[in-house]
């Protein structure tokens, strides 16, 4: 179960990147044309594009870390689950209609795996 949740996060991160590149293509190209540096603080839409894309690699990285941890370090899996749960909770409270709730299942599975209930 833990490995499945980890692979789900890797996939979710990659989809996040692909969707972000598609959805924010115009904004990203404009920022590149304008020199990129400091160009994402200019509007809410540009900030959203930046953070949306940043979430993809971080989500995949979490999944990759979980794959490594599932091969031996249960404490790391538990810590990752707690971090994901906190991120989910704060994110959903701040933005109730956001898709941040999608990280709840892997968070709970990682916590259960870290505590030895699932493998």
N, C-alpha and C. Protein backbone atom coordinates (compact mmCIF):
# COMPACT_ATOMS: atom_id res chain seq x y z
N UNK A 1 0.82 -1.21 0.00
CA UNK A 1 0.00 0.00 0.00
C UNK A 1 0.86 1.26 0.00
N UNK A 2 1.92 1.26 0.81
CA UNK A 2 2.79 2.44 0.89
C UNK A 2 3.43 2.71 -0.47
N UNK A 3 3.90 1.66 -1.13
CA UNK A 3 4.54 1.83 -2.44
C UNK A 3 3.53 2.38 -3.45
N UNK A 4 2.28 1.91 -3.38
CA UNK A 4 1.24 2.41 -4.27
C UNK A 4 0.99 3.90 -4.03
N UNK A 5 0.90 4.29 -2.76
CA UNK A 5 0.69 5.70 -2.43
C UNK A 5 1.87 6.55 -2.89
N UNK A 6 3.09 6.01 -2.74
CA UNK A 6 4.28 6.73 -3.18
C UNK A 6 4.26 6.94 -4.69
N UNK A 7 3.92 5.90 -5.43
CA UNK A 7 3.87 6.01 -6.89
C UNK A 7 2.75 6.95 -7.33
N UNK A 8 1.66 6.96 -6.58
CA UNK A 8 0.57 7.91 -6.85
C UNK A 8 1.08 9.34 -6.74
N UNK A 9 1.87 9.64 -5.72
CA UNK A 9 2.39 10.99 -5.55
C UNK A 9 3.36 11.36 -6.68
N UNK A 10 4.17 10.41 -7.11
CA UNK A 10 5.07 10.68 -8.24
C UNK A 10 4.24 11.04 -9.47
N UNK A 11 3.23 10.24 -9.74
CA UNK A 11 2.33 10.48 -10.88
C UNK A 11 1.61 11.81 -10.73
N UNK A 12 1.06 12.09 -9.54
CA UNK A 12 0.33 13.34 -9.30
C UNK A 12 1.22 14.55 -9.55
N UNK A 13 2.47 14.48 -9.11
CA UNK A 13 3.40 15.58 -9.34
C UNK A 13 3.67 15.80 -10.82
N UNK A 14 3.85 14.71 -11.56
CA UNK A 14 4.10 14.83 -13.00
C UNK A 14 2.89 15.40 -13.73
N UNK A 15 1.69 14.97 -13.34
CA UNK A 15 0.47 15.51 -13.93
C UNK A 15 0.34 16.99 -13.58
N UNK A 16 0.68 17.35 -12.36
CA UNK A 16 0.64 18.75 -11.91
C UNK A 16 1.54 19.61 -12.81
N UNK A 17 2.73 19.14 -13.08
CA UNK A 17 3.67 19.88 -13.94
C UNK A 17 3.09 20.01 -15.35
N UNK A 18 2.62 18.91 -15.91
CA UNK A 18 2.06 18.94 -17.26
C UNK A 18 0.87 19.87 -17.38
N UNK A 19 -0.05 19.78 -16.41
CA UNK A 19 -1.22 20.65 -16.43
C UNK A 19 -0.80 22.10 -16.27
N UNK A 20 0.14 22.36 -15.35
CA UNK A 20 0.60 23.73 -15.12
C UNK A 20 1.25 24.34 -16.35
N UNK A 21 2.07 23.55 -17.04
CA UNK A 21 2.71 24.05 -18.25
C UNK A 21 1.68 24.37 -19.33
N UNK A 22 0.62 23.57 -19.38
CA UNK A 22 -0.45 23.80 -20.35
C UNK A 22 -1.30 25.00 -19.94
N UNK A 23 -1.76 24.99 -18.70
CA UNK A 23 -2.66 26.03 -18.20
C UNK A 23 -2.01 27.41 -18.17
N UNK A 24 -0.74 27.47 -17.78
CA UNK A 24 -0.05 28.75 -17.59
C UNK A 24 0.97 29.03 -18.69
N UNK A 25 0.82 28.40 -19.82
CA UNK A 25 1.79 28.54 -20.92
C UNK A 25 2.04 30.00 -21.28
N UNK A 26 0.99 30.76 -21.49
CA UNK A 26 1.14 32.17 -21.87
C UNK A 26 1.87 32.99 -20.81
N UNK A 27 1.52 32.77 -19.56
CA UNK A 27 2.16 33.49 -18.46
C UNK A 27 3.63 33.13 -18.38
N UNK A 28 3.94 31.86 -18.51
CA UNK A 28 5.34 31.42 -18.43
C UNK A 28 6.16 31.98 -19.58
N UNK A 29 5.62 31.95 -20.78
CA UNK A 29 6.34 32.49 -21.94
C UNK A 29 6.55 33.99 -21.79
N UNK A 30 5.54 34.70 -21.29
CA UNK A 30 5.68 36.14 -21.08
C UNK A 30 6.77 36.43 -20.05
N UNK A 31 6.78 35.66 -18.97
CA UNK A 31 7.81 35.85 -17.94
C UNK A 31 9.20 35.58 -18.50
N UNK A 32 9.33 34.56 -19.34
CA UNK A 32 10.61 34.26 -19.98
C UNK A 32 11.05 35.41 -20.89
N UNK A 33 10.11 35.92 -21.68
CA UNK A 33 10.43 37.04 -22.59
C UNK A 33 10.87 38.28 -21.81
N UNK A 34 10.31 38.45 -20.61
CA UNK A 34 10.60 39.63 -19.79
C UNK A 34 11.83 39.45 -18.91
N UNK A 35 12.51 38.34 -19.04
CA UNK A 35 13.74 38.12 -18.27
C UNK A 35 13.59 37.17 -17.10
N UNK A 36 12.41 36.67 -16.85
CA UNK A 36 12.10 35.66 -15.83
C UNK A 36 12.29 36.13 -14.39
N UNK A 37 13.46 36.62 -14.04
CA UNK A 37 13.76 36.98 -12.65
C UNK A 37 12.83 38.07 -12.14
N UNK A 38 12.15 37.79 -11.04
CA UNK A 38 11.26 38.75 -10.41
C UNK A 38 9.95 38.99 -11.13
N UNK A 39 9.66 38.22 -12.14
CA UNK A 39 8.46 38.46 -12.94
C UNK A 39 7.21 37.76 -12.41
N UNK A 40 7.34 36.98 -11.37
CA UNK A 40 6.18 36.25 -10.87
C UNK A 40 5.51 36.95 -9.70
N UNK A 41 6.09 38.03 -9.21
CA UNK A 41 5.50 38.76 -8.08
C UNK A 41 4.57 39.87 -8.57
N UNK A 42 4.44 40.01 -9.86
CA UNK A 42 3.70 41.13 -10.43
C UNK A 42 2.19 40.99 -10.38
N UNK A 43 1.68 39.78 -10.31
CA UNK A 43 0.22 39.60 -10.28
C UNK A 43 -0.13 38.29 -9.58
N UNK A 44 -1.36 38.22 -9.14
CA UNK A 44 -1.83 36.99 -8.49
C UNK A 44 -1.77 35.81 -9.44
N UNK A 45 -2.09 36.05 -10.71
CA UNK A 45 -2.08 34.96 -11.68
C UNK A 45 -0.66 34.43 -11.90
N UNK A 46 0.31 35.32 -11.91
CA UNK A 46 1.70 34.88 -12.07
C UNK A 46 2.18 34.14 -10.82
N UNK A 47 1.78 34.61 -9.66
CA UNK A 47 2.15 33.90 -8.42
C UNK A 47 1.53 32.50 -8.42
N UNK A 48 0.28 32.43 -8.84
CA UNK A 48 -0.39 31.13 -8.90
C UNK A 48 0.32 30.19 -9.86
N UNK A 49 0.73 30.71 -11.02
CA UNK A 49 1.45 29.88 -11.99
C UNK A 49 2.74 29.33 -11.39
N UNK A 50 3.48 30.21 -10.74
CA UNK A 50 4.75 29.78 -10.14
C UNK A 50 4.54 28.70 -9.10
N UNK A 51 3.65 28.95 -8.15
CA UNK A 51 3.47 27.99 -7.06
C UNK A 51 2.80 26.71 -7.53
N UNK A 52 1.94 26.82 -8.53
CA UNK A 52 1.33 25.61 -9.08
C UNK A 52 2.41 24.71 -9.65
N UNK A 53 3.32 25.30 -10.41
CA UNK A 53 4.40 24.50 -11.00
C UNK A 53 5.38 24.01 -9.94
N UNK A 54 5.64 24.79 -8.91
CA UNK A 54 6.56 24.36 -7.85
C UNK A 54 6.00 23.16 -7.09
N UNK A 55 4.69 23.09 -6.97
CA UNK A 55 4.09 21.98 -6.23
C UNK A 55 4.31 20.64 -6.93
N UNK A 56 4.41 20.64 -8.24
CA UNK A 56 4.59 19.39 -8.98
C UNK A 56 5.87 18.65 -8.62
N UNK A 57 7.04 19.30 -8.76
CA UNK A 57 8.28 18.61 -8.40
C UNK A 57 8.34 18.22 -6.92
N UNK A 58 7.80 19.08 -6.06
CA UNK A 58 7.84 18.76 -4.63
C UNK A 58 6.97 17.55 -4.32
N UNK A 59 5.83 17.44 -5.00
CA UNK A 59 4.96 16.29 -4.80
C UNK A 59 5.64 15.01 -5.30
N UNK A 60 6.24 15.08 -6.49
CA UNK A 60 6.96 13.91 -7.01
C UNK A 60 8.14 13.54 -6.13
N UNK A 61 8.84 14.54 -5.63
CA UNK A 61 9.98 14.29 -4.75
C UNK A 61 9.53 13.57 -3.47
N UNK A 62 8.39 13.97 -2.95
CA UNK A 62 7.85 13.29 -1.78
C UNK A 62 7.59 11.82 -2.09
N UNK A 63 7.01 11.56 -3.26
CA UNK A 63 6.77 10.17 -3.66
C UNK A 63 8.05 9.39 -3.82
N UNK A 64 9.07 10.00 -4.42
CA UNK A 64 10.35 9.32 -4.58
C UNK A 64 11.00 9.03 -3.23
N UNK A 65 10.88 9.98 -2.30
CA UNK A 65 11.40 9.75 -0.95
C UNK A 65 10.68 8.61 -0.26
N UNK A 66 9.37 8.53 -0.50
CA UNK A 66 8.59 7.45 0.10
C UNK A 66 8.98 6.09 -0.48
N UNK A 67 9.28 6.05 -1.78
CA UNK A 67 9.73 4.79 -2.38
C UNK A 67 11.00 4.34 -1.68
N UNK A 68 11.94 5.27 -1.50
CA UNK A 68 13.20 4.93 -0.82
C UNK A 68 12.94 4.50 0.62
N UNK A 69 12.08 5.22 1.29
CA UNK A 69 11.79 4.91 2.68
C UNK A 69 11.07 3.57 2.82
N UNK A 70 10.19 3.26 1.86
CA UNK A 70 9.44 2.00 1.92
C UNK A 70 10.35 0.80 1.84
N UNK A 71 11.54 1.04 1.38
CA UNK A 71 12.51 -0.05 1.30
C UNK A 71 13.28 -0.21 2.60
N UNK A 72 12.90 0.53 3.65
CA UNK A 72 13.61 0.30 4.89
C UNK A 72 13.38 1.23 6.06
N UNK A 73 13.10 2.51 5.86
CA UNK A 73 13.05 3.46 6.97
C UNK A 73 11.61 3.85 7.28
N UNK A 74 10.98 3.15 8.20
CA UNK A 74 9.58 3.41 8.55
C UNK A 74 9.39 4.78 9.20
N UNK A 75 10.39 5.23 9.94
CA UNK A 75 10.29 6.54 10.59
C UNK A 75 10.14 7.66 9.57
N UNK A 76 10.86 7.54 8.47
CA UNK A 76 10.75 8.55 7.41
C UNK A 76 9.37 8.52 6.78
N UNK A 77 8.82 7.34 6.58
CA UNK A 77 7.47 7.24 6.01
C UNK A 77 6.47 7.91 6.94
N UNK A 78 6.57 7.69 8.23
CA UNK A 78 5.66 8.31 9.20
C UNK A 78 5.80 9.83 9.15
N UNK A 79 7.02 10.33 9.15
CA UNK A 79 7.26 11.77 9.10
C UNK A 79 6.67 12.38 7.83
N UNK A 80 6.87 11.70 6.70
CA UNK A 80 6.32 12.20 5.44
C UNK A 80 4.80 12.22 5.48
N UNK A 81 4.20 11.20 6.07
CA UNK A 81 2.75 11.16 6.19
C UNK A 81 2.21 12.30 7.02
N UNK A 82 2.87 12.58 8.13
CA UNK A 82 2.44 13.69 8.99
C UNK A 82 2.58 15.02 8.26
N UNK A 83 3.70 15.20 7.55
CA UNK A 83 3.90 16.44 6.78
C UNK A 83 2.82 16.60 5.71
N UNK A 84 2.51 15.53 5.01
CA UNK A 84 1.46 15.59 3.99
C UNK A 84 0.10 15.89 4.62
N UNK A 85 -0.18 15.27 5.76
CA UNK A 85 -1.45 15.50 6.44
C UNK A 85 -1.59 16.96 6.86
N UNK A 86 -0.52 17.52 7.42
CA UNK A 86 -0.55 18.93 7.82
C UNK A 86 -0.71 19.85 6.61
N UNK A 87 0.01 19.54 5.54
CA UNK A 87 -0.11 20.33 4.31
C UNK A 87 -1.53 20.28 3.78
N UNK A 88 -2.11 19.10 3.77
CA UNK A 88 -3.48 18.92 3.31
C UNK A 88 -4.44 19.72 4.19
N UNK A 89 -4.31 19.57 5.50
CA UNK A 89 -5.22 20.25 6.42
C UNK A 89 -5.17 21.76 6.30
N UNK A 90 -3.97 22.31 6.33
CA UNK A 90 -3.82 23.76 6.22
C UNK A 90 -4.29 24.25 4.86
N UNK A 91 -3.91 23.52 3.81
CA UNK A 91 -4.30 23.92 2.46
C UNK A 91 -5.80 23.91 2.24
N UNK A 92 -6.46 22.87 2.73
CA UNK A 92 -7.91 22.78 2.56
C UNK A 92 -8.63 23.83 3.40
N UNK A 93 -8.10 24.12 4.59
CA UNK A 93 -8.69 25.19 5.39
C UNK A 93 -8.54 26.55 4.71
N UNK A 94 -7.37 26.78 4.13
CA UNK A 94 -7.12 28.07 3.47
C UNK A 94 -7.87 28.19 2.15
N UNK A 95 -7.95 27.10 1.41
CA UNK A 95 -8.59 27.08 0.10
C UNK A 95 -9.53 25.88 0.02
N UNK A 96 -10.73 25.98 0.60
CA UNK A 96 -11.63 24.82 0.68
C UNK A 96 -11.97 24.17 -0.66
N UNK A 97 -11.97 24.92 -1.74
CA UNK A 97 -12.32 24.35 -3.04
C UNK A 97 -11.10 23.87 -3.82
N UNK A 98 -9.93 23.90 -3.20
CA UNK A 98 -8.71 23.48 -3.89
C UNK A 98 -8.63 21.95 -3.93
N UNK A 99 -7.78 21.42 -4.82
CA UNK A 99 -7.61 19.97 -4.89
C UNK A 99 -6.59 19.43 -3.88
N UNK A 100 -6.23 20.24 -2.88
CA UNK A 100 -5.25 19.77 -1.90
C UNK A 100 -5.73 18.55 -1.12
N UNK A 101 -7.01 18.31 -1.09
CA UNK A 101 -7.55 17.13 -0.40
C UNK A 101 -7.06 15.84 -1.04
N UNK A 102 -6.57 15.91 -2.30
CA UNK A 102 -6.12 14.70 -2.99
C UNK A 102 -4.89 14.07 -2.35
N UNK A 103 -4.19 14.82 -1.48
CA UNK A 103 -3.02 14.22 -0.81
C UNK A 103 -3.40 13.56 0.52
N UNK A 104 -4.69 13.60 0.88
CA UNK A 104 -5.12 12.96 2.12
C UNK A 104 -4.95 11.44 2.09
N UNK A 105 -5.37 10.72 1.03
CA UNK A 105 -5.19 9.26 1.05
C UNK A 105 -3.74 8.81 1.21
N UNK A 106 -2.78 9.36 0.41
CA UNK A 106 -1.40 8.91 0.65
C UNK A 106 -0.87 9.32 2.02
N UNK A 107 -1.32 10.46 2.54
CA UNK A 107 -0.88 10.88 3.88
C UNK A 107 -1.28 9.84 4.92
N UNK A 108 -2.53 9.42 4.87
CA UNK A 108 -3.03 8.44 5.85
C UNK A 108 -2.35 7.08 5.67
N UNK A 109 -2.11 6.70 4.41
CA UNK A 109 -1.43 5.42 4.15
C UNK A 109 0.01 5.47 4.65
N UNK A 110 0.70 6.59 4.44
CA UNK A 110 2.08 6.72 4.93
C UNK A 110 2.12 6.66 6.46
N UNK A 111 1.16 7.31 7.10
CA UNK A 111 1.11 7.27 8.57
C UNK A 111 0.89 5.83 9.03
N UNK A 112 -0.07 5.15 8.41
CA UNK A 112 -0.33 3.75 8.77
C UNK A 112 0.90 2.89 8.50
N UNK A 113 1.58 3.13 7.38
CA UNK A 113 2.79 2.38 7.07
C UNK A 113 3.91 2.66 8.05
N UNK A 114 4.07 3.91 8.42
CA UNK A 114 5.10 4.28 9.38
C UNK A 114 4.87 3.69 10.75
N UNK A 115 3.60 3.48 11.08
CA UNK A 115 3.25 2.87 12.37
C UNK A 115 3.21 1.34 12.29
N UNK A 116 3.43 0.79 11.10
CA UNK A 116 3.50 -0.66 10.94
C UNK A 116 2.17 -1.35 10.67
N UNK A 117 1.11 -0.58 10.37
CA UNK A 117 -0.19 -1.19 10.12
C UNK A 117 -0.33 -1.72 8.70
N UNK A 118 0.35 -1.11 7.74
CA UNK A 118 0.33 -1.57 6.35
C UNK A 118 1.76 -1.57 5.83
N UNK A 119 1.97 -2.30 4.74
CA UNK A 119 3.33 -2.31 4.16
C UNK A 119 3.27 -1.99 2.68
